[in-house]
Structures are given as structure tokens and as C-alpha cells.
Amino acid sequence: MIFFALIGAGVIVAVLVAVGMSIFLGRHGEADHPRPGWVPTDEVFRDPGTDRVMRVWADGAGGRHYLPDQPTGASQP
């Protein structure tokens, strides 16, 4: 019986760790500002989880990165 209680506790801890990581580490591929060498693409979408408009940026190695889109004319840091 204690075996099942330990498994249940382990599952609860794993879920809490996963939720904590998703909150504090950000979403996959998301960045706070563009890095040198990243190029903005024409691909824009609305993130269903945050309702923010995101733009896809490409790096020289073929990687894709997602940044909140800024209105036209806004400067990039």
C-alpha cells in the first residue's frame, strides 16, 4: 500500500516541477530580445496560451525563435 502512495507522491511532485519550469523558464523557442544574426521573418501568429502576437526570427543555423511582435516602426533593442 505504501508503494502506491509513494508513486502517487512522485507523480504529484513531477507535475509540480513541470508546471514550475514552464512558468519560470519560458516557452520553447521564446526569447526576450533578438540576438545578433537573427533575422525577422514574415511569419506572425497569435500565441493561444498568452494571446500575444509573436514573430518568428531565424538564425544562421536554421533555428527558429519567437519574440513578441512590435508595432511597425518600433525599434528593436
N, C-alpha and C. Protein backbone atom coordinates (compact mmCIF):
# COMPACT_ATOMS: atom_id res chain seq x y z
N MET A 1 0.82 -1.19 0.00
CA MET A 1 0.00 0.00 0.00
C MET A 1 0.86 1.26 0.00
N ILE A 2 1.94 1.24 0.77
CA ILE A 2 2.81 2.41 0.83
C ILE A 2 3.49 2.65 -0.52
N PHE A 3 3.70 1.56 -1.27
CA PHE A 3 4.30 1.67 -2.60
C PHE A 3 3.47 2.58 -3.49
N PHE A 4 2.14 2.39 -3.49
CA PHE A 4 1.26 3.21 -4.33
C PHE A 4 1.21 4.66 -3.85
N ALA A 5 1.32 4.85 -2.56
CA ALA A 5 1.35 6.21 -2.01
C ALA A 5 2.62 6.93 -2.46
N LEU A 6 3.74 6.23 -2.47
CA LEU A 6 4.99 6.82 -2.94
C LEU A 6 4.94 7.14 -4.43
N ILE A 7 4.36 6.25 -5.21
CA ILE A 7 4.21 6.51 -6.65
C ILE A 7 3.32 7.73 -6.86
N GLY A 8 2.22 7.81 -6.14
CA GLY A 8 1.32 8.96 -6.25
C GLY A 8 2.01 10.26 -5.87
N ALA A 9 2.78 10.23 -4.79
CA ALA A 9 3.52 11.42 -4.37
C ALA A 9 4.56 11.80 -5.42
N GLY A 10 5.22 10.82 -6.00
CA GLY A 10 6.21 11.09 -7.05
C GLY A 10 5.58 11.74 -8.28
N VAL A 11 4.40 11.27 -8.67
CA VAL A 11 3.70 11.85 -9.81
C VAL A 11 3.31 13.30 -9.51
N ILE A 12 2.82 13.55 -8.32
CA ILE A 12 2.43 14.91 -7.94
C ILE A 12 3.65 15.84 -7.96
N VAL A 13 4.77 15.38 -7.42
CA VAL A 13 5.99 16.19 -7.43
C VAL A 13 6.43 16.46 -8.86
N ALA A 14 6.40 15.45 -9.73
CA ALA A 14 6.81 15.63 -11.12
C ALA A 14 5.94 16.65 -11.84
N VAL A 15 4.64 16.61 -11.60
CA VAL A 15 3.73 17.58 -12.22
C VAL A 15 4.02 18.98 -11.71
N LEU A 16 4.23 19.13 -10.42
CA LEU A 16 4.53 20.46 -9.86
C LEU A 16 5.84 21.01 -10.41
N VAL A 17 6.85 20.17 -10.56
CA VAL A 17 8.13 20.61 -11.13
C VAL A 17 7.94 21.04 -12.58
N ALA A 18 7.20 20.27 -13.35
CA ALA A 18 6.96 20.62 -14.76
C ALA A 18 6.22 21.94 -14.88
N VAL A 19 5.21 22.15 -14.06
CA VAL A 19 4.46 23.42 -14.09
C VAL A 19 5.37 24.57 -13.68
N GLY A 20 6.15 24.39 -12.66
CA GLY A 20 7.07 25.44 -12.22
C GLY A 20 8.09 25.79 -13.29
N MET A 21 8.62 24.80 -13.96
CA MET A 21 9.59 25.06 -15.03
C MET A 21 8.94 25.81 -16.19
N SER A 22 7.72 25.45 -16.54
CA SER A 22 7.07 26.13 -17.66
C SER A 22 6.77 27.59 -17.33
N ILE A 23 6.51 27.88 -16.07
CA ILE A 23 6.22 29.26 -15.67
C ILE A 23 7.48 30.10 -15.63
N PHE A 24 8.55 29.57 -15.06
CA PHE A 24 9.74 30.37 -14.82
C PHE A 24 10.78 30.30 -15.93
N LEU A 25 10.77 29.28 -16.76
CA LEU A 25 11.79 29.16 -17.80
C LEU A 25 11.32 29.65 -19.16
N GLY A 26 10.07 29.98 -19.31
CA GLY A 26 9.57 30.46 -20.60
C GLY A 26 9.20 29.30 -21.51
N ARG A 27 8.64 29.66 -22.63
CA ARG A 27 8.16 28.66 -23.57
C ARG A 27 9.28 28.28 -24.52
N HIS A 28 9.16 27.14 -25.14
CA HIS A 28 10.17 26.63 -26.06
C HIS A 28 10.41 27.60 -27.21
N GLY A 29 11.64 27.99 -27.42
CA GLY A 29 11.99 28.86 -28.53
C GLY A 29 11.71 30.33 -28.32
N GLU A 30 11.10 30.68 -27.19
CA GLU A 30 10.75 32.08 -26.95
C GLU A 30 11.94 32.81 -26.35
N ALA A 31 12.16 34.04 -26.81
CA ALA A 31 13.27 34.86 -26.31
C ALA A 31 12.74 36.24 -25.94
N ASP A 32 13.51 36.96 -25.13
CA ASP A 32 13.08 38.29 -24.71
C ASP A 32 13.52 39.38 -25.69
N HIS A 33 14.57 39.15 -26.45
CA HIS A 33 15.01 40.11 -27.46
C HIS A 33 15.82 39.35 -28.52
N PRO A 34 15.89 39.90 -29.74
CA PRO A 34 16.64 39.20 -30.80
C PRO A 34 18.14 39.22 -30.53
N ARG A 35 18.80 38.16 -30.89
CA ARG A 35 20.25 38.05 -30.75
C ARG A 35 20.92 38.48 -32.06
N PRO A 36 22.20 38.85 -32.00
CA PRO A 36 22.90 39.20 -33.24
C PRO A 36 22.83 38.05 -34.24
N GLY A 37 22.53 38.38 -35.47
CA GLY A 37 22.44 37.38 -36.52
C GLY A 37 21.04 36.83 -36.76
N TRP A 38 20.12 37.12 -35.88
CA TRP A 38 18.74 36.69 -36.10
C TRP A 38 18.07 37.63 -37.09
N VAL A 39 17.27 37.06 -37.96
CA VAL A 39 16.58 37.83 -38.99
C VAL A 39 15.07 37.63 -38.82
N PRO A 40 14.29 38.72 -38.78
CA PRO A 40 12.84 38.54 -38.66
C PRO A 40 12.27 37.97 -39.95
N THR A 41 11.30 37.09 -39.82
CA THR A 41 10.63 36.52 -40.99
C THR A 41 9.26 37.19 -41.14
N ASP A 42 8.55 36.82 -42.19
CA ASP A 42 7.19 37.34 -42.40
C ASP A 42 6.16 36.54 -41.60
N GLU A 43 6.61 35.53 -40.89
CA GLU A 43 5.70 34.64 -40.17
C GLU A 43 5.32 35.25 -38.82
N VAL A 44 4.02 35.51 -38.66
CA VAL A 44 3.47 36.09 -37.44
C VAL A 44 2.27 35.24 -37.03
N PHE A 45 2.10 35.03 -35.73
CA PHE A 45 0.96 34.25 -35.25
C PHE A 45 0.55 34.74 -33.88
N ARG A 46 -0.66 34.40 -33.48
CA ARG A 46 -1.14 34.73 -32.14
C ARG A 46 -0.96 33.50 -31.27
N ASP A 47 -0.20 33.65 -30.19
CA ASP A 47 0.05 32.56 -29.27
C ASP A 47 -1.24 32.30 -28.49
N PRO A 48 -1.81 31.10 -28.63
CA PRO A 48 -3.08 30.83 -27.95
C PRO A 48 -2.95 30.79 -26.43
N GLY A 49 -1.76 30.52 -25.91
CA GLY A 49 -1.58 30.45 -24.46
C GLY A 49 -1.49 31.81 -23.79
N THR A 50 -0.93 32.80 -24.51
CA THR A 50 -0.75 34.13 -23.92
C THR A 50 -1.54 35.20 -24.64
N ASP A 51 -2.09 34.88 -25.81
CA ASP A 51 -2.84 35.81 -26.65
C ASP A 51 -1.96 36.95 -27.18
N ARG A 52 -0.63 36.75 -27.17
CA ARG A 52 0.28 37.75 -27.72
C ARG A 52 0.55 37.46 -29.19
N VAL A 53 0.77 38.51 -29.97
CA VAL A 53 1.17 38.34 -31.36
C VAL A 53 2.68 38.12 -31.36
N MET A 54 3.11 37.01 -31.96
CA MET A 54 4.52 36.63 -31.95
C MET A 54 5.06 36.63 -33.38
N ARG A 55 6.33 37.02 -33.53
CA ARG A 55 7.01 36.96 -34.82
C ARG A 55 8.10 35.90 -34.74
N VAL A 56 8.27 35.17 -35.84
CA VAL A 56 9.32 34.16 -35.92
C VAL A 56 10.59 34.83 -36.44
N TRP A 57 11.69 34.57 -35.76
CA TRP A 57 13.01 35.04 -36.16
C TRP A 57 13.85 33.81 -36.49
N ALA A 58 14.67 33.90 -37.52
CA ALA A 58 15.52 32.78 -37.93
C ALA A 58 16.99 33.12 -37.66
N ASP A 59 17.75 32.12 -37.24
CA ASP A 59 19.18 32.33 -37.06
C ASP A 59 19.93 31.65 -38.21
N GLY A 60 21.22 31.87 -38.28
CA GLY A 60 22.03 31.35 -39.38
C GLY A 60 22.13 29.84 -39.42
N ALA A 61 21.86 29.17 -38.30
CA ALA A 61 21.95 27.72 -38.22
C ALA A 61 20.62 27.04 -38.54
N GLY A 62 19.62 27.82 -38.92
CA GLY A 62 18.31 27.25 -39.23
C GLY A 62 17.37 27.17 -38.05
N GLY A 63 17.77 27.72 -36.91
CA GLY A 63 16.91 27.71 -35.73
C GLY A 63 15.82 28.76 -35.83
N ARG A 64 14.73 28.50 -35.13
CA ARG A 64 13.60 29.43 -35.12
C ARG A 64 13.39 29.91 -33.69
N HIS A 65 13.12 31.22 -33.57
CA HIS A 65 12.94 31.84 -32.25
C HIS A 65 11.69 32.71 -32.32
N TYR A 66 10.99 32.83 -31.20
CA TYR A 66 9.71 33.53 -31.18
C TYR A 66 9.79 34.70 -30.21
N LEU A 67 9.50 35.89 -30.74
CA LEU A 67 9.52 37.11 -29.93
C LEU A 67 8.19 37.82 -30.09
N PRO A 68 7.74 38.49 -29.03
CA PRO A 68 6.52 39.30 -29.17
C PRO A 68 6.73 40.31 -30.29
N ASP A 69 5.75 40.40 -31.19
CA ASP A 69 5.85 41.31 -32.32
C ASP A 69 5.65 42.74 -31.84
N GLN A 70 6.43 43.64 -32.41
CA GLN A 70 6.32 45.06 -32.07
C GLN A 70 5.64 45.77 -33.22
N PRO A 71 4.90 46.82 -32.93
CA PRO A 71 4.25 47.58 -34.00
C PRO A 71 5.29 48.08 -35.00
N THR A 72 4.87 48.27 -36.24
CA THR A 72 5.75 48.78 -37.28
C THR A 72 6.34 50.12 -36.85
N GLY A 73 7.64 50.24 -37.04
CA GLY A 73 8.31 51.48 -36.68
C GLY A 73 8.94 51.44 -35.29
N ALA A 74 8.60 50.44 -34.50
CA ALA A 74 9.20 50.34 -33.16
C ALA A 74 10.61 49.81 -33.31
N SER A 75 11.52 50.33 -32.52
CA SER A 75 12.90 49.91 -32.62
C SER A 75 13.12 48.63 -31.85
N GLN A 76 14.05 47.82 -32.34
CA GLN A 76 14.43 46.59 -31.66
C GLN A 76 15.62 46.88 -30.77
N PRO A 77 15.69 46.33 -29.57
CA PRO A 77 16.83 46.57 -28.68
C PRO A 77 18.09 45.91 -29.20
